[in-house]
Amino acid sequence: MRLIKDSKYLFLDRDGVINVRLIDDYVKTEKEFEFIDGVLDAFKIFRKHFDKIVVVTNQQGVGKGIMSEEDLKRIHTYMQTEVEKNGGRIDAIFHCPKLAKENSIDRKPSVGMGLKARKLFNEIRFKDSIMVGDSLTDLVFGKRLKMHCVHISSSPKTARKHPKRIDKVFNDLLEFAKYIDNEKNS
């Protein structure tokens, strides 16, 4: 079995992992998009260790008409620009605007966004990939594609309830980045 430290491709959820999740709301503008502390430093570390860095995010606020595709594009351009200005990199961003009830192949936990990423970057091998997320749907998505799964959570409850879906748990993205940096450099 491949070790997590041998992974070459990184998949990241957005809300709750990269930016502050708005409870019972959606990030609709760049002004509402707030990076979680340490995330920009984490991306600097990831740039050194991963061949591809891909964001996969469910964004049903678009499907509900709360925001437009253009609004989402501006948010993602802002996110990507800030990451790059701070020495990091995001190679691609995939999103699913569909509502949960539509059962879209692209909406996590379904695997459509992962397959689209592999189509864009045909060198991606899911067995050499890590999925980082803060929700069960992120982890199911990752396991369905045979990825290593990292849960971002300050509560160990989920890991205890779902041990087969979670390979590692970290409080935040920077803590995970430091772990990867240490493992790959040792």
N, C-alpha and C. Protein backbone atom coordinates (compact mmCIF):
# COMPACT_ATOMS: atom_id res chain seq x y z
N MET A 1 0.83 -1.19 0.00
CA MET A 1 0.00 0.00 0.00
C MET A 1 0.88 1.26 0.00
N ARG A 2 0.51 2.22 -0.82
CA ARG A 2 1.26 3.48 -0.90
C ARG A 2 1.07 4.27 0.39
N LEU A 3 2.12 4.94 0.80
CA LEU A 3 2.06 5.78 1.98
C LEU A 3 1.57 7.18 1.59
N ILE A 4 0.93 7.84 2.52
CA ILE A 4 0.42 9.19 2.28
C ILE A 4 1.55 10.13 1.85
N LYS A 5 2.75 9.93 2.41
CA LYS A 5 3.87 10.81 2.08
C LYS A 5 4.35 10.64 0.64
N ASP A 6 3.99 9.53 -0.01
CA ASP A 6 4.40 9.28 -1.39
C ASP A 6 3.44 9.89 -2.42
N SER A 7 2.36 10.50 -1.95
CA SER A 7 1.36 11.06 -2.85
C SER A 7 1.92 12.24 -3.64
N LYS A 8 1.47 12.33 -4.90
CA LYS A 8 1.95 13.38 -5.80
C LYS A 8 0.88 14.40 -6.15
N TYR A 9 -0.39 14.08 -5.87
CA TYR A 9 -1.50 14.92 -6.30
C TYR A 9 -2.37 15.25 -5.10
N LEU A 10 -2.75 16.51 -5.00
CA LEU A 10 -3.51 16.97 -3.86
C LEU A 10 -4.85 17.54 -4.32
N PHE A 11 -5.92 17.02 -3.73
CA PHE A 11 -7.27 17.51 -3.96
C PHE A 11 -7.75 18.15 -2.67
N LEU A 12 -8.34 19.34 -2.79
CA LEU A 12 -8.79 20.09 -1.62
C LEU A 12 -10.24 20.54 -1.78
N ASP A 13 -11.02 20.37 -0.73
CA ASP A 13 -12.31 21.02 -0.66
C ASP A 13 -12.06 22.51 -0.42
N ARG A 14 -13.06 23.34 -0.59
CA ARG A 14 -12.85 24.77 -0.40
C ARG A 14 -13.40 25.26 0.94
N ASP A 15 -14.72 25.36 1.07
CA ASP A 15 -15.33 25.92 2.27
C ASP A 15 -15.04 25.07 3.50
N GLY A 16 -14.45 25.69 4.52
CA GLY A 16 -14.10 24.98 5.75
C GLY A 16 -12.70 24.39 5.73
N VAL A 17 -12.05 24.42 4.58
CA VAL A 17 -10.67 23.93 4.44
C VAL A 17 -9.75 25.08 4.04
N ILE A 18 -10.13 25.80 2.98
CA ILE A 18 -9.34 26.92 2.48
C ILE A 18 -9.87 28.24 3.06
N ASN A 19 -11.16 28.40 3.02
CA ASN A 19 -11.79 29.62 3.52
C ASN A 19 -12.77 29.31 4.65
N VAL A 20 -13.09 30.34 5.40
CA VAL A 20 -14.04 30.20 6.50
C VAL A 20 -15.41 29.86 5.93
N ARG A 21 -15.99 28.78 6.44
CA ARG A 21 -17.33 28.36 6.03
C ARG A 21 -18.34 29.30 6.68
N LEU A 22 -19.28 29.79 5.89
CA LEU A 22 -20.36 30.61 6.42
C LEU A 22 -21.52 29.69 6.78
N ILE A 23 -21.87 29.62 8.04
CA ILE A 23 -22.92 28.72 8.50
C ILE A 23 -24.27 29.19 7.95
N ASP A 24 -25.00 28.26 7.33
CA ASP A 24 -26.31 28.52 6.74
C ASP A 24 -26.29 29.66 5.71
N ASP A 25 -25.17 29.80 5.02
CA ASP A 25 -25.05 30.83 4.00
C ASP A 25 -23.99 30.38 3.00
N TYR A 26 -23.76 31.18 1.98
CA TYR A 26 -22.77 30.91 0.95
C TYR A 26 -21.85 32.10 0.79
N VAL A 27 -20.60 31.84 0.47
CA VAL A 27 -19.67 32.91 0.12
C VAL A 27 -20.08 33.37 -1.28
N LYS A 28 -20.57 34.60 -1.37
CA LYS A 28 -21.15 35.09 -2.62
C LYS A 28 -20.29 36.14 -3.32
N THR A 29 -19.33 36.70 -2.58
CA THR A 29 -18.47 37.75 -3.15
C THR A 29 -17.04 37.54 -2.64
N GLU A 30 -16.10 38.23 -3.30
CA GLU A 30 -14.71 38.17 -2.83
C GLU A 30 -14.60 38.74 -1.42
N LYS A 31 -15.40 39.74 -1.09
CA LYS A 31 -15.35 40.34 0.25
C LYS A 31 -15.76 39.36 1.34
N GLU A 32 -16.63 38.42 1.01
CA GLU A 32 -17.08 37.41 1.98
C GLU A 32 -16.11 36.24 2.08
N PHE A 33 -15.18 36.17 1.13
CA PHE A 33 -14.21 35.06 1.12
C PHE A 33 -13.08 35.42 2.08
N GLU A 34 -12.93 34.63 3.14
CA GLU A 34 -11.89 34.87 4.14
C GLU A 34 -11.03 33.60 4.29
N PHE A 35 -9.75 33.73 3.97
CA PHE A 35 -8.85 32.59 4.13
C PHE A 35 -8.77 32.20 5.60
N ILE A 36 -8.77 30.93 5.88
CA ILE A 36 -8.53 30.44 7.23
C ILE A 36 -7.07 30.72 7.56
N ASP A 37 -6.80 31.09 8.80
CA ASP A 37 -5.43 31.38 9.22
C ASP A 37 -4.49 30.24 8.84
N GLY A 38 -3.35 30.62 8.23
CA GLY A 38 -2.32 29.66 7.87
C GLY A 38 -2.46 29.02 6.51
N VAL A 39 -3.60 29.19 5.86
CA VAL A 39 -3.84 28.52 4.57
C VAL A 39 -2.85 28.98 3.50
N LEU A 40 -2.58 30.26 3.43
CA LEU A 40 -1.65 30.74 2.39
C LEU A 40 -0.24 30.17 2.62
N ASP A 41 0.17 30.01 3.87
CA ASP A 41 1.45 29.36 4.16
C ASP A 41 1.41 27.89 3.78
N ALA A 42 0.27 27.26 3.99
CA ALA A 42 0.13 25.84 3.63
C ALA A 42 0.33 25.65 2.13
N PHE A 43 -0.24 26.54 1.33
CA PHE A 43 -0.10 26.41 -0.13
C PHE A 43 1.36 26.56 -0.57
N LYS A 44 2.12 27.38 0.11
CA LYS A 44 3.56 27.49 -0.21
C LYS A 44 4.25 26.15 -0.02
N ILE A 45 3.90 25.47 1.05
CA ILE A 45 4.48 24.15 1.34
C ILE A 45 4.00 23.14 0.30
N PHE A 46 2.72 23.14 -0.01
CA PHE A 46 2.17 22.19 -0.98
C PHE A 46 2.84 22.33 -2.34
N ARG A 47 3.13 23.55 -2.74
CA ARG A 47 3.75 23.80 -4.04
C ARG A 47 5.05 22.99 -4.20
N LYS A 48 5.80 22.84 -3.10
CA LYS A 48 7.08 22.11 -3.16
C LYS A 48 6.88 20.61 -3.31
N HIS A 49 5.75 20.08 -2.87
CA HIS A 49 5.62 18.64 -2.73
C HIS A 49 4.61 17.95 -3.64
N PHE A 50 3.77 18.71 -4.33
CA PHE A 50 2.73 18.08 -5.15
C PHE A 50 2.84 18.52 -6.60
N ASP A 51 2.71 17.54 -7.51
CA ASP A 51 2.77 17.83 -8.94
C ASP A 51 1.54 18.62 -9.40
N LYS A 52 0.39 18.29 -8.83
CA LYS A 52 -0.85 19.00 -9.17
C LYS A 52 -1.63 19.26 -7.88
N ILE A 53 -2.22 20.46 -7.81
CA ILE A 53 -3.06 20.86 -6.69
C ILE A 53 -4.40 21.28 -7.27
N VAL A 54 -5.46 20.58 -6.86
CA VAL A 54 -6.78 20.76 -7.46
C VAL A 54 -7.81 21.03 -6.36
N VAL A 55 -8.65 22.03 -6.57
CA VAL A 55 -9.75 22.31 -5.66
C VAL A 55 -11.03 21.72 -6.27
N VAL A 56 -11.78 20.98 -5.45
CA VAL A 56 -13.06 20.39 -5.87
C VAL A 56 -14.11 20.84 -4.86
N THR A 57 -15.13 21.56 -5.32
CA THR A 57 -16.05 22.18 -4.38
C THR A 57 -17.50 22.13 -4.86
N ASN A 58 -18.39 21.69 -3.99
CA ASN A 58 -19.83 21.78 -4.25
C ASN A 58 -20.25 23.23 -4.01
N GLN A 59 -20.97 23.81 -4.95
CA GLN A 59 -21.41 25.20 -4.83
C GLN A 59 -22.87 25.33 -5.25
N GLN A 60 -23.76 24.74 -4.43
CA GLN A 60 -25.17 24.76 -4.81
C GLN A 60 -25.82 26.13 -4.65
N GLY A 61 -25.09 27.10 -4.09
CA GLY A 61 -25.60 28.48 -4.06
C GLY A 61 -25.88 28.98 -5.48
N VAL A 62 -25.09 28.49 -6.45
CA VAL A 62 -25.32 28.84 -7.85
C VAL A 62 -26.62 28.21 -8.32
N GLY A 63 -26.80 26.93 -8.02
CA GLY A 63 -28.01 26.21 -8.41
C GLY A 63 -29.27 26.78 -7.78
N LYS A 64 -29.13 27.36 -6.60
CA LYS A 64 -30.28 27.97 -5.92
C LYS A 64 -30.55 29.39 -6.41
N GLY A 65 -29.66 29.94 -7.25
CA GLY A 65 -29.83 31.29 -7.76
C GLY A 65 -29.41 32.37 -6.78
N ILE A 66 -28.70 31.98 -5.72
CA ILE A 66 -28.23 32.94 -4.72
C ILE A 66 -27.03 33.72 -5.24
N MET A 67 -26.30 33.10 -6.15
CA MET A 67 -25.15 33.73 -6.78
C MET A 67 -25.05 33.18 -8.20
N SER A 68 -24.31 33.86 -9.03
CA SER A 68 -24.18 33.43 -10.43
C SER A 68 -22.85 32.71 -10.65
N GLU A 69 -22.75 32.07 -11.78
CA GLU A 69 -21.47 31.45 -12.18
C GLU A 69 -20.39 32.52 -12.25
N GLU A 70 -20.75 33.71 -12.71
CA GLU A 70 -19.78 34.80 -12.81
C GLU A 70 -19.31 35.24 -11.42
N ASP A 71 -20.23 35.29 -10.45
CA ASP A 71 -19.85 35.60 -9.06
C ASP A 71 -18.84 34.57 -8.56
N LEU A 72 -19.13 33.31 -8.80
CA LEU A 72 -18.25 32.23 -8.35
C LEU A 72 -16.89 32.32 -9.04
N LYS A 73 -16.90 32.64 -10.32
CA LYS A 73 -15.63 32.78 -11.05
C LYS A 73 -14.78 33.89 -10.44
N ARG A 74 -15.40 35.02 -10.08
CA ARG A 74 -14.65 36.11 -9.46
C ARG A 74 -14.06 35.68 -8.11
N ILE A 75 -14.82 34.94 -7.34
CA ILE A 75 -14.33 34.44 -6.04
C ILE A 75 -13.13 33.52 -6.26
N HIS A 76 -13.25 32.61 -7.21
CA HIS A 76 -12.16 31.67 -7.46
C HIS A 76 -10.93 32.35 -8.05
N THR A 77 -11.14 33.36 -8.89
CA THR A 77 -10.00 34.13 -9.41
C THR A 77 -9.28 34.83 -8.26
N TYR A 78 -10.05 35.42 -7.35
CA TYR A 78 -9.46 36.07 -6.18
C TYR A 78 -8.67 35.06 -5.35
N MET A 79 -9.27 33.90 -5.06
CA MET A 79 -8.60 32.87 -4.26
C MET A 79 -7.29 32.44 -4.91
N GLN A 80 -7.35 32.15 -6.18
CA GLN A 80 -6.17 31.67 -6.90
C GLN A 80 -5.09 32.75 -6.96
N THR A 81 -5.48 33.98 -7.20
CA THR A 81 -4.53 35.09 -7.26
C THR A 81 -3.83 35.29 -5.93
N GLU A 82 -4.58 35.26 -4.83
CA GLU A 82 -4.00 35.44 -3.50
C GLU A 82 -3.04 34.30 -3.16
N VAL A 83 -3.42 33.08 -3.51
CA VAL A 83 -2.54 31.93 -3.26
C VAL A 83 -1.23 32.11 -4.02
N GLU A 84 -1.31 32.51 -5.29
CA GLU A 84 -0.10 32.70 -6.11
C GLU A 84 0.74 33.86 -5.61
N LYS A 85 0.10 34.98 -5.21
CA LYS A 85 0.84 36.13 -4.69
C LYS A 85 1.63 35.76 -3.43
N ASN A 86 1.17 34.77 -2.72
CA ASN A 86 1.81 34.35 -1.48
C ASN A 86 2.69 33.11 -1.66
N GLY A 87 3.05 32.79 -2.91
CA GLY A 87 4.01 31.73 -3.17
C GLY A 87 3.44 30.34 -3.33
N GLY A 88 2.12 30.23 -3.40
CA GLY A 88 1.48 28.93 -3.57
C GLY A 88 1.02 28.73 -5.00
N ARG A 89 0.20 27.68 -5.19
CA ARG A 89 -0.26 27.34 -6.54
C ARG A 89 -1.56 26.53 -6.42
N ILE A 90 -2.49 26.82 -7.31
CA ILE A 90 -3.67 25.98 -7.53
C ILE A 90 -3.69 25.73 -9.03
N ASP A 91 -3.62 24.46 -9.42
CA ASP A 91 -3.54 24.14 -10.85
C ASP A 91 -4.91 24.15 -11.53
N ALA A 92 -5.97 23.82 -10.78
CA ALA A 92 -7.31 23.82 -11.37
C ALA A 92 -8.34 23.86 -10.25
N ILE A 93 -9.50 24.41 -10.59
CA ILE A 93 -10.63 24.46 -9.67
C ILE A 93 -11.83 23.88 -10.41
N PHE A 94 -12.46 22.89 -9.80
CA PHE A 94 -13.68 22.31 -10.34
C PHE A 94 -14.79 22.55 -9.33
N HIS A 95 -15.97 22.88 -9.83
CA HIS A 95 -17.10 23.08 -8.92
C HIS A 95 -18.35 22.42 -9.50
N CYS A 96 -19.27 22.10 -8.61
CA CYS A 96 -20.57 21.58 -9.03
C CYS A 96 -21.64 22.52 -8.51
N PRO A 97 -22.38 23.17 -9.41
CA PRO A 97 -23.42 24.10 -8.99
C PRO A 97 -24.77 23.43 -8.71
N LYS A 98 -24.86 22.14 -8.94
CA LYS A 98 -26.14 21.43 -8.83
C LYS A 98 -26.60 21.32 -7.38
N LEU A 99 -27.91 21.24 -7.23
CA LEU A 99 -28.50 21.03 -5.91
C LEU A 99 -28.29 19.58 -5.49
N ALA A 100 -28.24 19.35 -4.21
CA ALA A 100 -28.03 17.98 -3.69
C ALA A 100 -29.10 17.03 -4.23
N LYS A 101 -30.34 17.48 -4.31
CA LYS A 101 -31.44 16.61 -4.75
C LYS A 101 -31.35 16.20 -6.22
N GLU A 102 -30.48 16.85 -6.99
CA GLU A 102 -30.34 16.52 -8.41
C GLU A 102 -29.45 15.30 -8.65
N ASN A 103 -28.73 14.85 -7.62
CA ASN A 103 -27.88 13.65 -7.73
C ASN A 103 -26.92 13.72 -8.92
N SER A 104 -26.26 14.83 -9.11
CA SER A 104 -25.32 15.01 -10.21
C SER A 104 -24.06 14.17 -9.97
N ILE A 105 -23.51 13.60 -11.03
CA ILE A 105 -22.25 12.85 -10.97
C ILE A 105 -21.10 13.76 -10.52
N ASP A 106 -21.26 15.07 -10.73
CA ASP A 106 -20.20 16.00 -10.37
C ASP A 106 -20.27 16.44 -8.90
N ARG A 107 -21.38 16.23 -8.24
CA ARG A 107 -21.53 16.70 -6.86
C ARG A 107 -20.96 15.67 -5.90
N LYS A 108 -19.99 16.11 -5.07
CA LYS A 108 -19.45 15.20 -4.06
C LYS A 108 -20.59 14.75 -3.15
N PRO A 109 -20.67 13.49 -2.81
CA PRO A 109 -19.62 12.48 -2.83
C PRO A 109 -19.44 11.73 -4.14
N SER A 110 -20.23 12.04 -5.18
CA SER A 110 -19.99 11.41 -6.48
C SER A 110 -18.64 11.88 -7.02
N VAL A 111 -18.11 11.16 -7.99
CA VAL A 111 -16.70 11.32 -8.37
C VAL A 111 -16.44 12.16 -9.62
N GLY A 112 -17.46 12.81 -10.16
CA GLY A 112 -17.32 13.51 -11.44
C GLY A 112 -16.21 14.55 -11.48
N MET A 113 -16.07 15.35 -10.43
CA MET A 113 -15.02 16.38 -10.45
C MET A 113 -13.64 15.75 -10.45
N GLY A 114 -13.48 14.63 -9.78
CA GLY A 114 -12.20 13.92 -9.80
C GLY A 114 -11.88 13.40 -11.19
N LEU A 115 -12.90 12.85 -11.86
CA LEU A 115 -12.69 12.34 -13.22
C LEU A 115 -12.37 13.47 -14.19
N LYS A 116 -13.00 14.63 -14.00
CA LYS A 116 -12.69 15.79 -14.84
C LYS A 116 -11.24 16.25 -14.62
N ALA A 117 -10.80 16.20 -13.38
CA ALA A 117 -9.41 16.59 -13.09
C ALA A 117 -8.44 15.64 -13.77
N ARG A 118 -8.72 14.34 -13.72
CA ARG A 118 -7.84 13.37 -14.37
C ARG A 118 -7.88 13.52 -15.89
N LYS A 119 -9.02 13.91 -16.44
CA LYS A 119 -9.10 14.14 -17.88
C LYS A 119 -8.24 15.35 -18.27
N LEU A 120 -8.26 16.40 -17.44
CA LEU A 120 -7.45 17.58 -17.71
C LEU A 120 -5.97 17.30 -17.51
N PHE A 121 -5.65 16.58 -16.46
CA PHE A 121 -4.26 16.22 -16.13
C PHE A 121 -4.15 14.70 -16.16
N ASN A 122 -3.87 14.15 -17.34
CA ASN A 122 -3.92 12.68 -17.47
C ASN A 122 -2.85 11.95 -16.67
N GLU A 123 -1.89 12.68 -16.10
CA GLU A 123 -0.88 12.03 -15.26
C GLU A 123 -1.40 11.71 -13.85
N ILE A 124 -2.53 12.30 -13.48
CA ILE A 124 -3.07 12.06 -12.13
C ILE A 124 -3.43 10.59 -11.97
N ARG A 125 -2.97 10.03 -10.87
CA ARG A 125 -3.34 8.67 -10.45
C ARG A 125 -3.95 8.81 -9.07
N PHE A 126 -5.18 8.36 -8.94
CA PHE A 126 -5.88 8.55 -7.67
C PHE A 126 -5.22 7.82 -6.52
N LYS A 127 -4.59 6.68 -6.79
CA LYS A 127 -3.90 5.95 -5.72
C LYS A 127 -2.69 6.73 -5.20
N ASP A 128 -2.24 7.72 -5.96
CA ASP A 128 -1.13 8.59 -5.56
C ASP A 128 -1.64 9.98 -5.18
N SER A 129 -2.90 10.04 -4.74
CA SER A 129 -3.54 11.32 -4.45
C SER A 129 -4.05 11.37 -3.01
N ILE A 130 -4.21 12.59 -2.54
CA ILE A 130 -4.79 12.86 -1.22
C ILE A 130 -5.99 13.77 -1.41
N MET A 131 -7.09 13.44 -0.74
CA MET A 131 -8.25 14.32 -0.69
C MET A 131 -8.32 14.91 0.71
N VAL A 132 -8.38 16.24 0.80
CA VAL A 132 -8.47 16.94 2.08
C VAL A 132 -9.83 17.62 2.16
N GLY A 133 -10.60 17.27 3.19
CA GLY A 133 -11.92 17.88 3.34
C GLY A 133 -12.36 17.95 4.78
N ASP A 134 -13.41 18.70 4.99
CA ASP A 134 -13.94 18.86 6.35
C ASP A 134 -15.29 18.18 6.53
N SER A 135 -15.80 17.54 5.50
CA SER A 135 -17.10 16.89 5.61
C SER A 135 -17.03 15.44 5.16
N LEU A 136 -18.02 14.69 5.57
CA LEU A 136 -18.09 13.28 5.20
C LEU A 136 -18.19 13.11 3.69
N THR A 137 -18.89 14.02 3.00
CA THR A 137 -19.00 13.89 1.54
C THR A 137 -17.63 14.00 0.86
N ASP A 138 -16.73 14.83 1.41
CA ASP A 138 -15.38 14.93 0.86
C ASP A 138 -14.64 13.61 1.00
N LEU A 139 -14.79 12.99 2.16
CA LEU A 139 -14.07 11.75 2.45
C LEU A 139 -14.61 10.59 1.63
N VAL A 140 -15.93 10.52 1.46
CA VAL A 140 -16.53 9.47 0.62
C VAL A 140 -16.06 9.65 -0.82
N PHE A 141 -16.05 10.89 -1.31
CA PHE A 141 -15.53 11.20 -2.65
C PHE A 141 -14.12 10.64 -2.80
N GLY A 142 -13.25 10.96 -1.84
CA GLY A 142 -11.86 10.50 -1.90
C GLY A 142 -11.74 9.00 -1.88
N LYS A 143 -12.47 8.34 -1.00
CA LYS A 143 -12.37 6.87 -0.88
C LYS A 143 -12.93 6.18 -2.12
N ARG A 144 -13.97 6.74 -2.71
CA ARG A 144 -14.52 6.15 -3.94
C ARG A 144 -13.49 6.15 -5.06
N LEU A 145 -12.57 7.12 -5.02
CA LEU A 145 -11.51 7.19 -6.03
C LEU A 145 -10.21 6.55 -5.54
N LYS A 146 -10.25 5.92 -4.38
CA LYS A 146 -9.09 5.20 -3.80
C LYS A 146 -7.96 6.14 -3.40
N MET A 147 -8.32 7.36 -2.99
CA MET A 147 -7.33 8.33 -2.51
C MET A 147 -7.09 8.13 -1.01
N HIS A 148 -5.96 8.67 -0.54
CA HIS A 148 -5.78 8.85 0.90
C HIS A 148 -6.72 9.99 1.29
N CYS A 149 -7.32 9.91 2.48
CA CYS A 149 -8.26 10.96 2.90
C CYS A 149 -7.81 11.60 4.20
N VAL A 150 -7.76 12.92 4.17
CA VAL A 150 -7.37 13.72 5.33
C VAL A 150 -8.58 14.55 5.74
N HIS A 151 -8.92 14.43 7.01
CA HIS A 151 -10.07 15.18 7.55
C HIS A 151 -9.56 16.39 8.32
N ILE A 152 -10.08 17.55 7.97
CA ILE A 152 -9.78 18.77 8.71
C ILE A 152 -10.89 18.96 9.73
N SER A 153 -10.53 18.81 11.00
CA SER A 153 -11.53 18.89 12.06
C SER A 153 -10.85 19.07 13.40
N SER A 154 -11.46 19.86 14.25
CA SER A 154 -10.93 20.00 15.60
C SER A 154 -11.60 19.00 16.54
N SER A 155 -12.50 18.18 15.99
CA SER A 155 -13.20 17.17 16.79
C SER A 155 -12.83 15.78 16.30
N PRO A 156 -12.35 14.91 17.18
CA PRO A 156 -11.98 13.56 16.76
C PRO A 156 -13.19 12.62 16.57
N LYS A 157 -14.41 13.11 16.84
CA LYS A 157 -15.60 12.26 16.75
C LYS A 157 -15.77 11.61 15.39
N THR A 158 -15.65 12.40 14.32
CA THR A 158 -15.88 11.87 12.97
C THR A 158 -14.88 10.76 12.66
N ALA A 159 -13.64 10.95 13.03
CA ALA A 159 -12.62 9.92 12.77
C ALA A 159 -12.97 8.63 13.49
N ARG A 160 -13.48 8.74 14.69
CA ARG A 160 -13.85 7.53 15.43
C ARG A 160 -15.08 6.87 14.81
N LYS A 161 -16.00 7.67 14.27
CA LYS A 161 -17.22 7.13 13.67
C LYS A 161 -16.97 6.56 12.27
N HIS A 162 -15.94 7.04 11.59
CA HIS A 162 -15.69 6.64 10.20
C HIS A 162 -14.22 6.28 9.97
N PRO A 163 -13.67 5.35 10.72
CA PRO A 163 -12.23 5.08 10.61
C PRO A 163 -11.78 4.57 9.25
N LYS A 164 -12.66 3.94 8.48
CA LYS A 164 -12.27 3.42 7.17
C LYS A 164 -12.24 4.50 6.10
N ARG A 165 -12.81 5.65 6.41
CA ARG A 165 -12.85 6.75 5.44
C ARG A 165 -11.77 7.79 5.69
N ILE A 166 -11.14 7.74 6.86
CA ILE A 166 -10.20 8.78 7.25
C ILE A 166 -8.83 8.18 7.54
N ASP A 167 -7.81 8.67 6.83
CA ASP A 167 -6.45 8.19 7.07
C ASP A 167 -5.71 9.05 8.09
N LYS A 168 -5.97 10.35 8.09
CA LYS A 168 -5.34 11.27 9.04
C LYS A 168 -6.32 12.38 9.37
N VAL A 169 -6.17 12.95 10.58
CA VAL A 169 -6.99 14.09 11.00
C VAL A 169 -6.06 15.21 11.46
N PHE A 170 -6.35 16.42 11.01
CA PHE A 170 -5.59 17.60 11.41
C PHE A 170 -6.56 18.72 11.75
N ASN A 171 -6.13 19.62 12.62
CA ASN A 171 -6.98 20.75 13.02
C ASN A 171 -7.21 21.73 11.87
N ASP A 172 -6.20 21.89 11.01
CA ASP A 172 -6.32 22.84 9.91
C ASP A 172 -5.33 22.49 8.81
N LEU A 173 -5.43 23.21 7.71
CA LEU A 173 -4.61 22.92 6.53
C LEU A 173 -3.13 23.14 6.78
N LEU A 174 -2.78 24.15 7.55
CA LEU A 174 -1.37 24.40 7.84
C LEU A 174 -0.76 23.26 8.65
N GLU A 175 -1.48 22.73 9.61
CA GLU A 175 -0.98 21.60 10.38
C GLU A 175 -0.71 20.40 9.47
N PHE A 176 -1.62 20.15 8.53
CA PHE A 176 -1.42 19.08 7.56
C PHE A 176 -0.21 19.37 6.67
N ALA A 177 -0.07 20.61 6.21
CA ALA A 177 1.05 20.97 5.34
C ALA A 177 2.39 20.75 6.05
N LYS A 178 2.46 21.13 7.31
CA LYS A 178 3.69 20.91 8.08
C LYS A 178 3.98 19.44 8.25
N TYR A 179 2.95 18.63 8.42
CA TYR A 179 3.13 17.17 8.52
C TYR A 179 3.70 16.64 7.20
N ILE A 180 3.11 17.03 6.09
CA ILE A 180 3.59 16.59 4.76
C ILE A 180 5.02 17.03 4.53
N ASP A 181 5.34 18.28 4.87
CA ASP A 181 6.68 18.80 4.68
C ASP A 181 7.69 17.97 5.48
N ASN A 182 7.36 17.67 6.70
CA ASN A 182 8.23 16.86 7.55
C ASN A 182 8.38 15.44 7.00
N GLU A 183 7.28 14.83 6.59
CA GLU A 183 7.32 13.45 6.08
C GLU A 183 8.11 13.36 4.77
N LYS A 184 7.90 14.28 3.87
CA LYS A 184 8.57 14.23 2.55
C LYS A 184 10.03 14.62 2.65
N ASN A 185 10.38 15.37 3.68
CA ASN A 185 11.78 15.76 3.85
C ASN A 185 12.57 14.79 4.72
N SER A 186 11.89 13.80 5.30
CA SER A 186 12.62 12.86 6.19
C SER A 186 13.08 11.63 5.44
